């Protein structure tokens, strides 16, 4: 991925008269679809989707559907995938963007706890324990 900033892309987009030309000329600066992005991360880590899904504590068949692009995961599942992929905070923020979700925000108590766990390289299970101790909603508690 090239060094295009969001601001420079916004500036270019505001000045363009053709969305098709803008996308064609800036395609390498844009994030690919989530399932492609996940495959790129998986390959860069040299791990199987199965190992990542297992570490993420996501139900196996649902996890594979996310990796295939047939299911759109919730923000919660994307965060769990970040733990499964053992991503750092900047990588997690980028994964959330690729999935079309807002970044983790340190002014939100639960997000702050998740950020802490990512920075401390905690597992999903350890993160769940910390969220539980803080009486905050656990990861993956929503309907799929």
Protein backbone atom coordinates (compact mmCIF):
# COMPACT_ATOMS: atom_id res chain seq x y z
CA UNK A 1 0.00 0.00 0.00
CA UNK A 2 1.41 3.38 -0.96
CA UNK A 3 1.85 6.38 1.29
CA UNK A 4 -1.36 8.20 0.39
CA UNK A 5 -2.93 9.96 3.34
CA UNK A 6 -6.66 10.11 3.84
CA UNK A 7 -6.48 13.90 3.60
CA UNK A 8 -4.70 13.81 0.24
CA UNK A 9 -7.24 11.33 -1.11
CA UNK A 10 -10.12 13.48 0.16
CA UNK A 11 -8.59 16.51 -1.53
CA UNK A 12 -8.22 14.63 -4.82
CA UNK A 13 -11.75 13.27 -4.55
CA UNK A 14 -13.22 16.73 -3.93
CA UNK A 15 -11.54 18.01 -7.10
CA UNK A 16 -12.36 15.11 -9.42
CA UNK A 17 -15.04 15.21 -12.07
CA UNK A 18 -15.07 11.42 -12.55
CA UNK A 19 -15.40 8.84 -9.78
CA UNK A 20 -14.31 6.09 -12.19
CA UNK A 21 -11.07 7.91 -13.02
CA UNK A 22 -10.45 8.68 -9.34
CA UNK A 23 -10.81 5.03 -8.36
CA UNK A 24 -8.70 3.82 -11.29
CA UNK A 25 -5.91 6.30 -10.52
CA UNK A 26 -5.92 5.70 -6.76
CA UNK A 27 -6.83 2.03 -6.55
CA UNK A 28 -3.57 0.99 -4.86
CA UNK A 29 -4.20 3.49 -2.06
CA UNK A 30 -7.62 2.04 -1.23
CA UNK A 31 -8.28 -0.90 1.03
CA UNK A 32 -9.37 -4.11 -0.68
CA UNK A 33 -12.57 -5.93 0.30
CA UNK A 34 -12.35 -7.36 3.82
CA UNK A 35 -11.96 -11.01 2.80
CA UNK A 36 -9.04 -10.10 0.50
CA UNK A 37 -7.49 -8.00 3.24
CA UNK A 38 -7.82 -10.91 5.68
CA UNK A 39 -6.16 -13.26 3.19
CA UNK A 40 -3.29 -10.79 2.75
CA UNK A 41 -2.81 -10.61 6.53
CA UNK A 42 -3.08 -14.39 6.83
CA UNK A 43 -0.45 -14.92 4.13
CA UNK A 44 1.89 -12.34 5.64
CA UNK A 45 1.68 -14.20 8.95
CA UNK A 46 2.09 -17.59 7.31
CA UNK A 47 -0.82 -19.09 9.20
CA UNK A 48 -3.97 -20.97 8.33
CA UNK A 49 -7.37 -19.34 8.54
CA UNK A 50 -8.26 -22.17 10.93
CA UNK A 51 -5.56 -21.14 13.44
CA UNK A 52 -6.60 -17.48 13.27
CA UNK A 53 -10.29 -18.31 13.69
CA UNK A 54 -9.48 -20.56 16.63
CA UNK A 55 -7.39 -17.87 18.37
CA UNK A 56 -10.13 -15.34 17.66
CA UNK A 57 -12.61 -17.59 19.46
CA UNK A 58 -15.06 -17.40 16.55
CA UNK A 59 -17.27 -20.31 15.59
CA UNK A 60 -15.39 -22.28 12.94
CA UNK A 61 -17.86 -22.30 10.04
CA UNK A 62 -18.80 -18.66 10.57
CA UNK A 63 -15.11 -17.69 10.60
CA UNK A 64 -14.51 -19.48 7.30
CA UNK A 65 -17.51 -17.69 5.79
CA UNK A 66 -15.90 -14.37 6.81
CA UNK A 67 -12.62 -15.41 5.18
CA UNK A 68 -14.48 -16.45 2.00
CA UNK A 69 -16.37 -13.15 1.89
CA UNK A 70 -19.81 -14.76 2.14
CA UNK A 71 -20.53 -13.26 5.59
CA UNK A 72 -19.98 -9.68 6.69
CA UNK A 73 -18.75 -9.77 10.28
CA UNK A 74 -19.92 -7.37 12.95
CA UNK A 75 -17.48 -4.88 14.44
CA UNK A 76 -17.17 -7.27 17.40
CA UNK A 77 -16.08 -10.16 15.18
CA UNK A 78 -13.57 -7.93 13.38
CA UNK A 79 -12.03 -7.04 16.74
CA UNK A 80 -11.91 -10.73 17.63
CA UNK A 81 -10.18 -11.40 14.28
CA UNK A 82 -7.62 -8.74 15.17
CA UNK A 83 -6.82 -10.71 18.31
CA UNK A 84 -6.73 -13.93 16.29
CA UNK A 85 -4.33 -12.33 13.83
CA UNK A 86 -2.30 -10.96 16.77
CA UNK A 87 -2.45 -7.45 15.31
CA UNK A 88 -1.15 -4.34 17.02
CA UNK A 89 -3.34 -1.27 17.49
CA UNK A 90 -2.58 0.49 14.16
CA UNK A 91 -3.15 -2.78 12.29
CA UNK A 92 -6.43 -3.32 14.15
CA UNK A 93 -7.61 0.20 13.30
CA UNK A 94 -6.84 -0.48 9.65
CA UNK A 95 -8.69 -3.81 9.78
CA UNK A 96 -11.73 -2.05 11.25
CA UNK A 97 -11.59 0.50 8.41
CA UNK A 98 -11.31 -2.29 5.82
CA UNK A 99 -14.45 -3.82 7.32
CA UNK A 100 -16.28 -0.48 7.17
CA UNK A 101 -16.35 0.16 10.92
CA UNK A 102 -15.16 2.96 13.16
CA UNK A 103 -11.84 2.74 14.92
CA UNK A 104 -11.43 1.93 18.57
CA UNK A 105 -11.72 5.17 20.54
CA UNK A 106 -9.86 5.60 23.85
CA UNK A 107 -12.51 7.91 25.32
CA UNK A 108 -14.97 5.01 25.33
CA UNK A 109 -14.30 2.85 28.40
CA UNK A 110 -14.81 -0.49 26.65
CA UNK A 111 -12.74 0.54 23.63
CA UNK A 112 -9.99 1.75 26.01
CA UNK A 113 -9.94 -1.69 27.66
CA UNK A 114 -9.71 -3.39 24.25
CA UNK A 115 -6.93 -1.01 23.17
CA UNK A 116 -5.06 -1.83 26.40
CA UNK A 117 -5.39 -5.55 25.69
CA UNK A 118 -4.17 -5.16 22.10
CA UNK A 119 -1.18 -3.12 23.24
CA UNK A 120 -0.38 -5.66 25.96
CA UNK A 121 -0.69 -8.53 23.43
CA UNK A 122 -3.47 -10.22 25.42
CA UNK A 123 -5.45 -13.11 23.97
CA UNK A 124 -9.20 -13.03 23.39
CA UNK A 125 -9.70 -15.08 26.56
CA UNK A 126 -7.56 -12.70 28.61
CA UNK A 127 -9.41 -9.74 27.09
CA UNK A 128 -12.76 -11.28 27.96
CA UNK A 129 -11.59 -11.69 31.55
CA UNK A 130 -10.53 -8.03 31.75
CA UNK A 131 -13.82 -6.86 30.23
CA UNK A 132 -15.70 -9.07 32.69
CA UNK A 133 -13.72 -7.70 35.67
CA UNK A 134 -14.53 -4.15 34.51
CA UNK A 135 -18.21 -5.13 34.10
CA UNK A 136 -18.09 -4.23 30.41
CA UNK A 137 -19.79 -6.06 27.53
CA UNK A 138 -17.78 -9.08 26.42
CA UNK A 139 -16.53 -9.45 22.84
CA UNK A 140 -18.84 -11.25 20.45
CA UNK A 141 -21.91 -10.96 22.61
CA UNK A 142 -24.16 -9.88 19.73
CA UNK A 143 -26.17 -12.01 17.35
CA UNK A 144 -24.38 -13.19 14.21
